[in-house]
Amino acid sequence: AKTEQKSLILVVPLLLIGGLPTILGAVVGYYYNFTAFDTFFDGLAIGGILYVILPIIKTLFRETNTSRTVYLGVFLGFILGFAVNLL
């Protein structure tokens, strides 16, 4: 029970870091449609999501040599998604 509580204490802040900028950007974007806001909140969302996802990927691929390829794939995927949002 103590281990579950400790992991929950770790997961909740990561959930807020990864999801809060996305939700906040969606709310602000619903009311105000400015390119600067879109770019700012996309950057916040991407940074928050990367902050959460990269340590998870690092622990998943710690024992293999494919971690650089995975990091590159995640990075390129986010860059491509960001570029699509700018269009």
C-alpha atoms as a PDB file:
ATOM      1  CA  ALA A   1       0.000   0.000   0.000  1.00  0.00           C
ATOM      2  CA  LYS A   2       2.894   2.330   0.755  1.00  0.00           C
ATOM      3  CA  THR A   3       4.456   1.703  -2.663  1.00  0.00           C
ATOM      4  CA  GLU A   4       1.155   2.488  -4.419  1.00  0.00           C
ATOM      5  CA  GLN A   5       0.850   5.741  -2.480  1.00  0.00           C
ATOM      6  CA  LYS A   6       4.431   6.702  -3.362  1.00  0.00           C
ATOM      7  CA  SER A   7       3.867   6.007  -7.063  1.00  0.00           C
ATOM      8  CA  LEU A   8       0.613   7.996  -6.975  1.00  0.00           C
ATOM      9  CA  ILE A   9       2.460  10.934  -5.421  1.00  0.00           C
ATOM     10  CA  LEU A  10       4.915  10.744  -8.341  1.00  0.00           C
ATOM     11  CA  VAL A  11       2.311  10.293 -11.088  1.00  0.00           C
ATOM     12  CA  VAL A  12      -0.040  13.173 -10.159  1.00  0.00           C
ATOM     13  CA  PRO A  13       2.546  15.975 -10.609  1.00  0.00           C
ATOM     14  CA  LEU A  14       3.709  14.399 -13.876  1.00  0.00           C
ATOM     15  CA  LEU A  15       0.101  14.284 -15.036  1.00  0.00           C
ATOM     16  CA  LEU A  16      -0.297  17.972 -14.244  1.00  0.00           C
ATOM     17  CA  ILE A  17       2.984  18.889 -15.948  1.00  0.00           C
ATOM     18  CA  GLY A  18       2.090  16.917 -19.068  1.00  0.00           C
ATOM     19  CA  GLY A  19      -1.601  17.735 -19.315  1.00  0.00           C
ATOM     20  CA  LEU A  20      -2.191  21.131 -17.761  1.00  0.00           C
ATOM     21  CA  PRO A  21      -0.520  23.214 -20.522  1.00  0.00           C
ATOM     22  CA  THR A  22      -2.549  21.338 -23.130  1.00  0.00           C
ATOM     23  CA  ILE A  23      -5.833  21.920 -21.318  1.00  0.00           C
ATOM     24  CA  LEU A  24      -4.990  25.539 -20.562  1.00  0.00           C
ATOM     25  CA  GLY A  25      -4.028  26.130 -24.187  1.00  0.00           C
ATOM     26  CA  ALA A  26      -7.298  24.605 -25.383  1.00  0.00           C
ATOM     27  CA  VAL A  27      -9.343  26.823 -23.061  1.00  0.00           C
ATOM     28  CA  VAL A  28      -7.491  30.002 -24.021  1.00  0.00           C
ATOM     29  CA  GLY A  29      -7.538  29.023 -27.703  1.00  0.00           C
ATOM     30  CA  TYR A  30     -11.299  28.561 -27.565  1.00  0.00           C
ATOM     31  CA  TYR A  31     -11.837  32.168 -26.518  1.00  0.00           C
ATOM     32  CA  TYR A  32      -8.890  33.892 -28.228  1.00  0.00           C
ATOM     33  CA  ASN A  33      -7.524  32.901 -31.603  1.00  0.00           C
ATOM     34  CA  PHE A  34      -4.131  34.575 -31.903  1.00  0.00           C
ATOM     35  CA  THR A  35      -1.148  32.988 -33.624  1.00  0.00           C
ATOM     36  CA  ALA A  36       1.144  34.049 -30.779  1.00  0.00           C
ATOM     37  CA  PHE A  37      -1.108  32.286 -28.237  1.00  0.00           C
ATOM     38  CA  ASP A  38      -1.245  29.179 -30.415  1.00  0.00           C
ATOM     39  CA  THR A  39       2.522  29.037 -30.731  1.00  0.00           C
ATOM     40  CA  PHE A  40       3.100  29.762 -27.040  1.00  0.00           C
ATOM     41  CA  PHE A  41       0.688  27.109 -25.787  1.00  0.00           C
ATOM     42  CA  ASP A  42       1.869  24.561 -28.358  1.00  0.00           C
ATOM     43  CA  GLY A  43       5.390  25.088 -27.051  1.00  0.00           C
ATOM     44  CA  LEU A  44       4.219  24.694 -23.456  1.00  0.00           C
ATOM     45  CA  ALA A  45       2.268  21.559 -24.292  1.00  0.00           C
ATOM     46  CA  ILE A  46       5.109  19.984 -26.246  1.00  0.00           C
ATOM     47  CA  GLY A  47       7.610  20.826 -23.516  1.00  0.00           C
ATOM     48  CA  GLY A  48       5.354  19.423 -20.804  1.00  0.00           C
ATOM     49  CA  ILE A  49       4.637  16.253 -22.716  1.00  0.00           C
ATOM     50  CA  LEU A  50       8.316  15.715 -23.520  1.00  0.00           C
ATOM     51  CA  TYR A  51       9.190  16.330 -19.864  1.00  0.00           C
ATOM     52  CA  VAL A  52       6.931  13.440 -18.921  1.00  0.00           C
ATOM     53  CA  ILE A  53       7.454  11.075 -21.853  1.00  0.00           C
ATOM     54  CA  LEU A  54      11.247  11.132 -22.201  1.00  0.00           C
ATOM     55  CA  PRO A  55      12.008   9.748 -18.707  1.00  0.00           C
ATOM     56  CA  ILE A  56       9.455   7.000 -19.316  1.00  0.00           C
ATOM     57  CA  ILE A  57      11.076   6.114 -22.632  1.00  0.00           C
ATOM     58  CA  LYS A  58      14.498   6.247 -21.004  1.00  0.00           C
ATOM     59  CA  THR A  59      13.495   3.667 -18.394  1.00  0.00           C
ATOM     60  CA  LEU A  60      11.809   1.455 -20.982  1.00  0.00           C
ATOM     61  CA  PHE A  61      14.839   1.310 -23.258  1.00  0.00           C
ATOM     62  CA  ARG A  62      17.578   1.489 -20.643  1.00  0.00           C
ATOM     63  CA  GLU A  63      18.842  -2.009 -21.367  1.00  0.00           C
ATOM     64  CA  THR A  64      18.860  -1.751 -25.161  1.00  0.00           C
ATOM     65  CA  ASN A  65      20.954   0.192 -27.633  1.00  0.00           C
ATOM     66  CA  THR A  66      17.940   1.569 -29.520  1.00  0.00           C
ATOM     67  CA  SER A  67      17.385   4.500 -27.167  1.00  0.00           C
ATOM     68  CA  ARG A  68      18.953   7.070 -29.510  1.00  0.00           C
ATOM     69  CA  THR A  69      16.690   5.957 -32.327  1.00  0.00           C
ATOM     70  CA  VAL A  70      13.648   6.162 -30.067  1.00  0.00           C
ATOM     71  CA  TYR A  71      14.615   9.638 -28.815  1.00  0.00           C
ATOM     72  CA  LEU A  72      15.153  10.792 -32.388  1.00  0.00           C
ATOM     73  CA  GLY A  73      11.785   9.367 -33.438  1.00  0.00           C
ATOM     74  CA  VAL A  74       9.956  11.077 -30.575  1.00  0.00           C
ATOM     75  CA  PHE A  75      11.732  14.365 -31.255  1.00  0.00           C
ATOM     76  CA  LEU A  76      11.013  14.267 -34.981  1.00  0.00           C
ATOM     77  CA  GLY A  77       7.394  13.327 -34.305  1.00  0.00           C
ATOM     78  CA  PHE A  78       6.917  16.338 -32.059  1.00  0.00           C
ATOM     79  CA  ILE A  79       8.657  18.640 -34.534  1.00  0.00           C
ATOM     80  CA  LEU A  80       6.417  17.345 -37.324  1.00  0.00           C
ATOM     81  CA  GLY A  81       3.309  17.807 -35.173  1.00  0.00           C
ATOM     82  CA  PHE A  82       4.388  21.312 -34.249  1.00  0.00           C
ATOM     83  CA  ALA A  83       5.016  22.159 -37.910  1.00  0.00           C
ATOM     84  CA  VAL A  84       1.561  20.872 -38.856  1.00  0.00           C
ATOM     85  CA  ASN A  85      -0.004  23.062 -36.152  1.00  0.00           C
ATOM     86  CA  LEU A  86       1.780  26.112 -37.536  1.00  0.00           C
ATOM     87  CA  LEU A  87       0.192  25.580 -40.954  1.00  0.00           C
END
